[in-house]
């Protein structure tokens, strides 16, 4: 841990100014590793009331303790300024030497395509990722919700597909595509909700379950609900929080984002739906950080090759069902939301994310994007591989790589035992 340092900046009258000091850990951080800065200042005749951090990158923070991830190696002059109740202040600067991690990764991490990724970590530490149906151009036709497995979040292996084809629900249903799956686990069972898109018919939400994350998967055999059942056009892109006794589903695509309770089996909607965001969005995902819920959403066009305009927005709430607001307090149902990711560094259309956490407690945005100079697969489908980038939490809001996908080597996630 970096040792506390401080100096007296002087004062006036009878007030003695505070003495600024801070420590940091780890002692020798590497790029991509979380660094925790802790104020250890003292005030001889009172208390410190304000703390302002300059982290040496142009980013600033406030608070007694600050977590930060430096994306690149180098020397950073970190300054802490403290002020007491009488307005007297002192500051202290330390140079933090950030080294190069022994191992790096570079985006993308899943190729050639794995759109709308949903991720879960099994009890043995293995990550599993599930993606939208696509024709990879490998001669095998459509992969109906492909599954990938990884021990470290950046080396992935294709495991197989959830389904050999479109599930046959019989009767009036004529499914053509399986999009945007969502994986969760409850009471030892894995629940895979997915978008069932029909040719000329309403969109629906389907469900398959398994005892293991790589299957065998048993389809529920009928929809959880369809557009007409729930009164929401384009009922796709499910996110399910599998709470006991009743799970909650959040879903929707450019006709409003809604939430509703499911029955205890997770097989049908019960109660009244609640709108949580307006019709700019699709691809809902909720992540909890420091006791608050963060609703990640995608806006723009997902699938127009190099002209795709997908972007990621986020809102915050104390409750799973909202209201969700942006930093200025504007409700996501009324134009609010913080944009955290858009095109850049050779990538366009980043979006439809989930979030994974490594063993150091760093959160990682897991999402797809399109390479601007190679936007199509041999099949003609959009080339949407999976990318990952670490999340910095600043004042209770997520930041991702300056707002664009990373285009250069980055330190790998921290996995115990690696």
Protein backbone atom coordinates (compact mmCIF):
# COMPACT_ATOMS: atom_id res chain seq x y z
CA UNK A 1 0.00 0.00 0.00
CA UNK A 2 1.32 3.45 -0.84
CA UNK A 3 2.24 5.25 2.37
CA UNK A 4 0.34 8.34 3.58
CA UNK A 5 2.00 11.65 2.86
CA UNK A 6 0.92 15.13 3.94
CA UNK A 7 2.03 18.71 4.40
CA UNK A 8 0.68 21.81 6.12
CA UNK A 9 -0.35 24.50 3.62
CA UNK A 10 -0.75 27.15 6.33
CA UNK A 11 -3.83 28.92 7.54
CA UNK A 12 -5.11 32.15 8.97
CA UNK A 13 -6.56 33.24 12.31
CA UNK A 14 -7.02 30.64 14.97
CA UNK A 15 -7.97 27.80 12.62
CA UNK A 16 -5.42 25.11 11.96
CA UNK A 17 -5.73 23.79 8.38
CA UNK A 18 -6.12 20.11 7.59
CA UNK A 19 -3.13 17.97 6.67
CA UNK A 20 -3.72 16.15 3.39
CA UNK A 21 -2.60 12.55 3.13
CA UNK A 22 -3.75 9.47 1.25
CA UNK A 23 -2.77 5.89 0.56
CA UNK A 24 -3.49 3.56 -2.32
CA UNK A 25 -3.58 -0.16 -2.97
CA UNK A 26 -2.18 -2.23 -4.51
CA UNK A 27 1.34 -0.84 -4.15
CA UNK A 28 2.30 -1.66 -7.76
CA UNK A 29 -0.88 -1.54 -9.84
CA UNK A 30 -1.02 -2.65 -13.45
CA UNK A 31 -3.13 -1.31 -16.28
CA UNK A 32 -6.67 -2.63 -16.07
CA UNK A 33 -6.40 -3.37 -12.34
CA UNK A 34 -8.63 -1.58 -9.85
CA UNK A 35 -6.74 0.90 -7.65
CA UNK A 36 -8.34 2.05 -4.38
CA UNK A 37 -7.36 5.50 -3.09
CA UNK A 38 -8.14 6.22 0.57
CA UNK A 39 -8.08 9.61 2.29
CA UNK A 40 -5.99 9.56 5.47
CA UNK A 41 -6.00 13.32 6.08
CA UNK A 42 -6.24 14.83 9.55
CA UNK A 43 -7.56 18.14 10.90
CA UNK A 44 -5.97 19.17 14.24
CA UNK A 45 -8.95 21.25 15.42
CA UNK A 46 -11.92 20.02 13.43
CA UNK A 47 -12.76 17.69 10.58
CA UNK A 48 -12.32 17.46 6.83
CA UNK A 49 -15.60 18.23 5.07
CA UNK A 50 -14.65 18.14 1.38
CA UNK A 51 -12.35 15.90 -0.63
CA UNK A 52 -11.49 16.37 -4.30
CA UNK A 53 -9.37 13.88 -6.26
CA UNK A 54 -7.54 14.51 -9.54
CA UNK A 55 -6.57 11.08 -10.83
CA UNK A 56 -3.98 12.27 -13.31
CA UNK A 57 -5.96 11.38 -16.41
CA UNK A 58 -8.34 14.32 -16.50
CA UNK A 59 -10.87 12.36 -14.45
CA UNK A 60 -11.91 13.70 -11.05
CA UNK A 61 -13.71 12.17 -8.09
CA UNK A 62 -14.95 13.09 -4.61
CA UNK A 63 -15.27 11.03 -1.46
CA UNK A 64 -13.25 9.38 1.28
CA UNK A 65 -12.44 6.32 -0.85
CA UNK A 66 -12.20 6.15 -4.63
CA UNK A 67 -11.83 3.15 -6.96
CA UNK A 68 -10.28 3.70 -10.39
CA UNK A 69 -8.97 1.56 -13.27
CA UNK A 70 -6.10 2.95 -15.37
CA UNK A 71 -6.44 1.61 -18.90
CA UNK A 72 -2.81 2.22 -19.90
CA UNK A 73 0.58 1.86 -18.21
CA UNK A 74 2.42 5.04 -17.21
CA UNK A 75 3.08 7.50 -14.40
CA UNK A 76 0.05 9.40 -13.11
CA UNK A 77 0.19 12.38 -10.72
CA UNK A 78 -2.73 11.90 -8.35
CA UNK A 79 -3.73 14.90 -6.23
CA UNK A 80 -6.02 14.98 -3.21
CA UNK A 81 -7.30 18.36 -2.00
CA UNK A 82 -9.05 18.48 1.37
CA UNK A 83 -11.01 21.34 2.92
CA UNK A 84 -12.27 21.80 6.47
CA UNK A 85 -15.42 23.47 7.77
CA UNK A 86 -13.65 26.85 8.03
CA UNK A 87 -12.64 26.78 4.36
CA UNK A 88 -8.93 26.06 4.98
CA UNK A 89 -7.44 23.51 2.63
CA UNK A 90 -4.39 21.42 1.91
CA UNK A 91 -3.38 19.18 -0.97
CA UNK A 92 -1.04 16.27 -1.55
CA UNK A 93 0.21 14.78 -4.82
CA UNK A 94 1.68 11.32 -5.32
CA UNK A 95 2.97 9.82 -8.56
CA UNK A 96 1.36 6.44 -9.18
CA UNK A 97 3.40 4.09 -11.35
CA UNK A 98 1.02 1.88 -13.34
CA UNK A 99 2.74 -1.07 -14.94
CA UNK A 100 1.95 -3.34 -17.84
CA UNK A 101 -0.01 -6.46 -17.05
CA UNK A 102 1.76 -9.62 -18.09
CA UNK A 103 -1.22 -10.62 -20.18
CA UNK A 104 -3.54 -8.65 -22.44
CA UNK A 105 -6.51 -9.35 -24.67
CA UNK A 106 -7.77 -7.52 -27.74
CA UNK A 107 -11.33 -7.20 -28.98
CA UNK A 108 -13.23 -9.05 -30.32
CA UNK A 109 -13.29 -12.05 -27.97
CA UNK A 110 -15.98 -14.18 -29.69
CA UNK A 111 -16.01 -14.50 -33.48
CA UNK A 112 -17.36 -14.51 -36.14
CA UNK A 113 -20.70 -13.54 -34.61
CA UNK A 114 -22.50 -13.81 -31.26
CA UNK A 115 -25.04 -10.99 -31.23
CA UNK A 116 -27.04 -9.94 -28.17
CA UNK A 117 -24.82 -11.83 -25.70
CA UNK A 118 -26.21 -13.01 -22.37
CA UNK A 119 -23.72 -14.32 -19.81
CA UNK A 120 -23.75 -16.33 -16.59
CA UNK A 121 -21.05 -17.76 -14.32
CA UNK A 122 -21.45 -21.34 -13.15
CA UNK A 123 -20.66 -22.46 -9.62
CA UNK A 124 -17.27 -23.83 -10.75
CA UNK A 125 -16.24 -20.39 -12.03
CA UNK A 126 -16.82 -21.08 -15.73
CA UNK A 127 -18.55 -18.40 -17.78
CA UNK A 128 -21.23 -19.33 -20.33
CA UNK A 129 -22.47 -17.03 -23.09
CA UNK A 130 -25.61 -17.37 -25.22
CA UNK A 131 -26.32 -15.46 -28.42
CA UNK A 132 -28.83 -14.73 -31.17
CA UNK A 133 -29.45 -17.19 -34.00
CA UNK A 134 -27.21 -16.51 -37.02
CA UNK A 135 -25.77 -18.17 -40.13
CA UNK A 136 -22.01 -17.97 -39.58
CA UNK A 137 -21.22 -18.93 -43.17
CA UNK A 138 -19.51 -22.12 -41.96
CA UNK A 139 -21.72 -24.43 -44.02
CA UNK A 140 -23.81 -25.54 -41.05
CA UNK A 141 -26.68 -23.13 -41.65
CA UNK A 142 -28.30 -21.39 -38.72
CA UNK A 143 -26.95 -21.82 -35.21
CA UNK A 144 -30.10 -21.66 -33.06
CA UNK A 145 -28.87 -19.85 -29.94
CA UNK A 146 -25.18 -20.83 -29.86
CA UNK A 147 -23.45 -21.45 -26.52
CA UNK A 148 -19.85 -20.48 -25.71
CA UNK A 149 -17.74 -21.33 -22.66
CA UNK A 150 -14.77 -19.50 -21.07
CA UNK A 151 -12.60 -19.69 -17.95
CA UNK A 152 -11.32 -16.12 -18.26
CA UNK A 153 -13.86 -13.96 -20.19
CA UNK A 154 -11.60 -13.48 -23.22
CA UNK A 155 -10.83 -17.00 -24.52
CA UNK A 156 -14.09 -18.60 -25.63
CA UNK A 157 -14.95 -22.04 -27.00
CA UNK A 158 -18.10 -22.88 -28.98
CA UNK A 159 -20.00 -25.59 -27.11
CA UNK A 160 -23.04 -26.18 -29.31
CA UNK A 161 -26.52 -24.82 -29.90
CA UNK A 162 -29.49 -24.75 -27.54
CA UNK A 163 -31.83 -26.03 -30.28
CA UNK A 164 -31.27 -28.02 -33.48
CA UNK A 165 -33.94 -25.85 -35.12
CA UNK A 166 -36.89 -23.61 -34.35
CA UNK A 167 -39.01 -25.14 -31.54
CA UNK A 168 -42.34 -26.41 -32.85
CA UNK A 169 -45.10 -24.87 -30.78
CA UNK A 170 -47.73 -26.19 -33.16
CA UNK A 171 -51.04 -24.62 -34.14
CA UNK A 172 -50.85 -20.96 -35.12
CA UNK A 173 -47.14 -20.48 -34.41
CA UNK A 174 -44.69 -20.18 -37.28
CA UNK A 175 -41.34 -19.21 -35.80
CA UNK A 176 -38.56 -18.03 -38.11
CA UNK A 177 -35.87 -16.65 -35.81
CA UNK A 178 -34.65 -17.01 -32.21
CA UNK A 179 -33.15 -13.75 -31.00
CA UNK A 180 -31.69 -12.15 -27.88
CA UNK A 181 -31.65 -14.93 -25.24
CA UNK A 182 -31.43 -14.27 -21.51
CA UNK A 183 -29.83 -16.77 -19.13
CA UNK A 184 -30.45 -17.02 -15.37
CA UNK A 185 -30.48 -19.66 -12.65
CA UNK A 186 -32.96 -20.38 -9.89
CA UNK A 187 -33.14 -23.29 -7.44
CA UNK A 188 -30.54 -25.29 -9.38
CA UNK A 189 -32.27 -24.93 -12.76
CA UNK A 190 -31.04 -22.82 -15.68
CA UNK A 191 -33.71 -20.69 -17.35
CA UNK A 192 -33.15 -19.50 -20.93
CA UNK A 193 -35.75 -17.00 -22.10
CA UNK A 194 -35.59 -16.06 -25.78
CA UNK A 195 -37.31 -14.02 -28.50
CA UNK A 196 -39.46 -16.10 -30.86
CA UNK A 197 -39.90 -14.12 -34.07
CA UNK A 198 -42.59 -15.25 -36.51
CA UNK A 199 -43.08 -14.75 -40.22
CA UNK A 200 -45.96 -12.29 -40.41
CA UNK A 201 -47.18 -13.05 -36.88
CA UNK A 202 -46.71 -11.51 -33.45
CA UNK A 203 -43.44 -11.72 -31.58
CA UNK A 204 -43.30 -13.92 -28.49
CA UNK A 205 -41.11 -14.79 -25.51
CA UNK A 206 -40.15 -18.46 -25.18
CA UNK A 207 -38.50 -20.48 -22.41
CA UNK A 208 -36.19 -23.49 -22.22
CA UNK A 209 -34.73 -25.04 -19.06
CA UNK A 210 -31.79 -27.32 -18.26
CA UNK A 211 -29.96 -28.81 -15.30
CA UNK A 212 -26.59 -27.69 -16.71
CA UNK A 213 -25.53 -24.51 -18.51
CA UNK A 214 -24.58 -26.42 -21.67
CA UNK A 215 -27.82 -28.44 -21.73
CA UNK A 216 -29.66 -30.65 -22.49
CA UNK A 217 -32.37 -28.01 -23.00
CA UNK A 218 -36.08 -28.72 -22.75
CA UNK A 219 -38.34 -26.17 -24.41
CA UNK A 220 -41.49 -25.08 -22.59
CA UNK A 221 -43.46 -25.79 -25.78
CA UNK A 222 -45.54 -22.62 -25.81
CA UNK A 223 -45.01 -18.89 -25.38
CA UNK A 224 -44.67 -17.13 -22.03
CA UNK A 225 -46.63 -14.44 -23.83
CA UNK A 226 -46.90 -12.81 -27.26
CA UNK A 227 -47.60 -9.23 -28.40
CA UNK A 228 -51.36 -9.56 -28.25
CA UNK A 229 -51.39 -11.36 -24.90
CA UNK A 230 -49.47 -8.62 -23.09
CA UNK A 231 -50.50 -5.59 -25.15
CA UNK A 232 -46.97 -4.65 -26.23
CA UNK A 233 -45.91 -4.60 -29.89
CA UNK A 234 -42.55 -6.27 -30.60
CA UNK A 235 -42.38 -8.31 -27.40
CA UNK A 236 -38.76 -9.43 -27.74
CA UNK A 237 -35.44 -8.96 -25.91
CA UNK A 238 -36.27 -10.48 -22.51
CA UNK A 239 -34.30 -9.88 -19.34
CA UNK A 240 -35.43 -11.94 -16.33
CA UNK A 241 -34.41 -11.48 -12.72
CA UNK A 242 -35.12 -14.87 -11.20
CA UNK A 243 -36.12 -13.82 -7.71
CA UNK A 244 -38.12 -15.97 -5.30
CA UNK A 245 -40.97 -16.46 -5.17
CA UNK A 246 -41.83 -14.63 -8.42
CA UNK A 247 -39.39 -13.74 -11.21
CA UNK A 248 -39.70 -10.38 -12.99
CA UNK A 249 -39.32 -10.01 -16.76
CA UNK A 250 -38.28 -6.76 -18.47
CA UNK A 251 -38.65 -6.66 -22.25
CA UNK A 252 -39.52 -4.63 -25.33
CA UNK A 253 -38.16 -3.19 -28.56
CA UNK A 254 -38.86 0.38 -29.74
CA UNK A 255 -42.45 0.29 -28.47
CA UNK A 256 -41.63 0.93 -24.83
CA UNK A 257 -39.71 -1.13 -22.28
CA UNK A 258 -41.96 -2.88 -19.75
CA UNK A 259 -41.73 -5.02 -16.62
CA UNK A 260 -44.16 -7.57 -15.26
CA UNK A 261 -44.12 -10.31 -12.63
CA UNK A 262 -44.18 -13.93 -13.76
CA UNK A 263 -45.80 -16.81 -11.94
CA UNK A 264 -43.61 -18.84 -9.58
CA UNK A 265 -42.75 -21.29 -12.37
CA UNK A 266 -41.67 -18.42 -14.62
CA UNK A 267 -43.99 -19.57 -17.38
CA UNK A 268 -46.63 -16.82 -17.64
CA UNK A 269 -47.22 -13.20 -16.73
CA UNK A 270 -49.22 -12.26 -13.64
CA UNK A 271 -50.28 -8.83 -12.50
CA UNK A 272 -50.09 -5.55 -14.39
CA UNK A 273 -47.21 -4.49 -16.58
CA UNK A 274 -45.23 -1.33 -15.73
CA UNK A 275 -43.48 0.84 -18.30
CA UNK A 276 -39.86 1.54 -17.34
CA UNK A 277 -38.47 3.27 -20.47
CA UNK A 278 -39.74 4.93 -23.63
CA UNK A 279 -39.75 3.80 -27.26
CA UNK A 280 -36.16 4.82 -28.04
CA UNK A 281 -34.85 1.56 -26.64
CA UNK A 282 -34.53 -2.21 -26.77
CA UNK A 283 -32.18 -4.82 -25.29
CA UNK A 284 -32.83 -4.32 -21.57
CA UNK A 285 -30.37 -5.59 -18.98
CA UNK A 286 -30.23 -4.81 -15.23
CA UNK A 287 -27.06 -4.83 -13.12
CA UNK A 288 -26.88 -4.07 -9.41
CA UNK A 289 -24.06 -1.88 -8.06
CA UNK A 290 -23.77 -0.60 -4.49
CA UNK A 291 -27.40 -1.44 -3.76
CA UNK A 292 -28.87 0.35 -6.79
CA UNK A 293 -30.30 -1.05 -10.01
CA UNK A 294 -28.82 0.05 -13.34
CA UNK A 295 -30.94 -0.47 -16.46
CA UNK A 296 -28.78 -0.79 -19.57
CA UNK A 297 -30.56 -0.25 -22.89
CA UNK A 298 -29.65 0.08 -26.57
CA UNK A 299 -30.89 2.79 -28.95
CA UNK A 300 -30.44 3.25 -32.69
CA UNK A 301 -30.13 0.62 -35.43
CA UNK A 302 -28.49 -2.70 -34.70
CA UNK A 303 -28.23 -4.23 -38.11
CA UNK A 304 -27.35 -1.92 -41.01
CA UNK A 305 -23.78 -3.02 -41.50
CA UNK A 306 -21.27 -0.16 -41.41
CA UNK A 307 -24.18 2.30 -41.10
CA UNK A 308 -25.46 0.80 -37.83
CA UNK A 309 -26.08 3.40 -35.14
CA UNK A 310 -26.56 1.28 -32.00
CA UNK A 311 -25.51 2.93 -28.70
CA UNK A 312 -25.76 1.96 -25.03
CA UNK A 313 -27.65 4.07 -22.46
CA UNK A 314 -28.18 3.56 -18.74
CA UNK A 315 -30.55 4.74 -16.03
CA UNK A 316 -30.54 4.19 -12.27
CA UNK A 317 -33.21 3.27 -9.73
CA UNK A 318 -33.67 1.96 -6.20
CA UNK A 319 -36.21 -0.53 -7.52
CA UNK A 320 -36.08 -3.19 -10.25
CA UNK A 321 -39.26 -1.81 -11.81
CA UNK A 322 -38.17 1.84 -11.65
CA UNK A 323 -38.53 4.66 -12.01
CA UNK A 324 -35.15 4.80 -13.77
CA UNK A 325 -33.51 8.20 -14.23
CA UNK A 326 -30.37 9.64 -15.78
CA UNK A 327 -27.75 11.76 -13.96
CA UNK A 328 -29.91 14.89 -14.32
CA UNK A 329 -32.95 13.17 -12.82
CA UNK A 330 -34.91 12.83 -16.09
CA UNK A 331 -37.00 9.67 -16.24
CA UNK A 332 -36.11 7.15 -18.98
CA UNK A 333 -39.80 7.16 -19.86
CA UNK A 334 -39.43 10.83 -20.77
CA UNK A 335 -36.17 11.16 -22.68
CA UNK A 336 -33.70 10.49 -19.84
CA UNK A 337 -30.65 8.25 -19.75
CA UNK A 338 -26.86 8.48 -19.83
CA UNK A 339 -25.14 7.42 -23.06
CA UNK A 340 -22.05 5.38 -22.16
CA UNK A 341 -21.02 3.66 -25.42
CA UNK A 342 -21.14 4.54 -29.13
CA UNK A 343 -19.04 4.00 -32.26
CA UNK A 344 -15.28 4.50 -32.39
CA UNK A 345 -11.88 2.83 -32.79
CA UNK A 346 -13.01 0.98 -35.92
CA UNK A 347 -16.26 -0.30 -34.41
CA UNK A 348 -19.85 0.76 -35.13
CA UNK A 349 -23.18 -0.19 -33.58
CA UNK A 350 -22.02 -1.32 -30.12
CA UNK A 351 -24.87 -2.52 -27.95
CA UNK A 352 -27.24 -5.12 -26.50
CA UNK A 353 -25.03 -5.80 -23.52
CA UNK A 354 -24.89 -7.87 -20.40
CA UNK A 355 -22.44 -7.47 -17.49
CA UNK A 356 -19.96 -9.95 -15.99
CA UNK A 357 -17.84 -9.52 -12.85
CA UNK A 358 -14.31 -10.89 -12.40
CA UNK A 359 -12.66 -12.08 -9.19
CA UNK A 360 -11.24 -8.63 -8.41
CA UNK A 361 -14.77 -7.21 -8.38
CA UNK A 362 -14.32 -5.38 -11.70
CA UNK A 363 -17.45 -5.25 -13.82
CA UNK A 364 -17.14 -5.91 -17.55
CA UNK A 365 -19.53 -4.77 -20.25
CA UNK A 366 -20.16 -7.72 -22.59
CA UNK A 367 -21.68 -6.59 -25.90
CA UNK A 368 -21.61 -6.93 -29.66
CA UNK A 369 -20.36 -4.45 -32.24
CA UNK A 370 -19.69 -4.38 -35.98
CA UNK A 371 -16.20 -3.93 -37.50
CA UNK A 372 -16.57 -0.91 -39.73
CA UNK A 373 -14.25 -2.25 -42.44
CA UNK A 374 -15.68 -5.80 -42.52
CA UNK A 375 -19.35 -5.52 -41.54
CA UNK A 376 -20.87 -8.60 -43.21
CA UNK A 377 -20.58 -12.37 -42.89
CA UNK A 378 -20.35 -14.59 -45.98
CA UNK A 379 -24.07 -15.28 -45.47
CA UNK A 380 -24.78 -11.54 -45.82
CA UNK A 381 -25.75 -11.24 -42.16
CA UNK A 382 -24.25 -8.53 -40.00
CA UNK A 383 -20.89 -9.48 -38.50
CA UNK A 384 -21.53 -8.87 -34.79
CA UNK A 385 -18.78 -10.43 -32.66
CA UNK A 386 -18.59 -10.09 -28.87
CA UNK A 387 -16.42 -7.43 -27.24
CA UNK A 388 -15.65 -6.83 -23.56
CA UNK A 389 -14.50 -3.66 -21.81
CA UNK A 390 -14.07 -2.88 -18.14
CA UNK A 391 -16.49 -0.52 -16.38
CA UNK A 392 -15.29 2.37 -14.24
CA UNK A 393 -17.82 3.59 -11.68
CA UNK A 394 -17.67 7.38 -11.32
CA UNK A 395 -19.97 9.11 -8.88
CA UNK A 396 -22.43 6.23 -9.06
CA UNK A 397 -22.44 6.02 -12.88
CA UNK A 398 -20.68 3.59 -15.26
CA UNK A 399 -18.00 4.69 -17.71
CA UNK A 400 -16.62 2.49 -20.49
CA UNK A 401 -13.31 3.22 -22.23
CA UNK A 402 -14.02 6.89 -22.89
CA UNK A 403 -17.35 6.05 -24.54
CA UNK A 404 -16.17 3.79 -27.40
CA UNK A 405 -15.14 0.13 -27.79
CA UNK A 406 -11.47 -0.49 -27.10
CA UNK A 407 -9.34 -0.87 -30.21
CA UNK A 408 -5.98 -1.76 -28.66
CA UNK A 409 -4.66 -4.43 -26.25
CA UNK A 410 -6.15 -4.24 -22.77
CA UNK A 411 -5.26 -5.98 -19.48
CA UNK A 412 -7.18 -9.19 -18.99
CA UNK A 413 -9.88 -9.72 -16.38
CA UNK A 414 -8.69 -10.98 -12.99
CA UNK A 415 -9.53 -14.62 -12.43
CA UNK A 416 -8.36 -16.34 -9.23
CA UNK A 417 -5.92 -19.14 -9.93
CA UNK A 418 -4.98 -17.78 -13.35
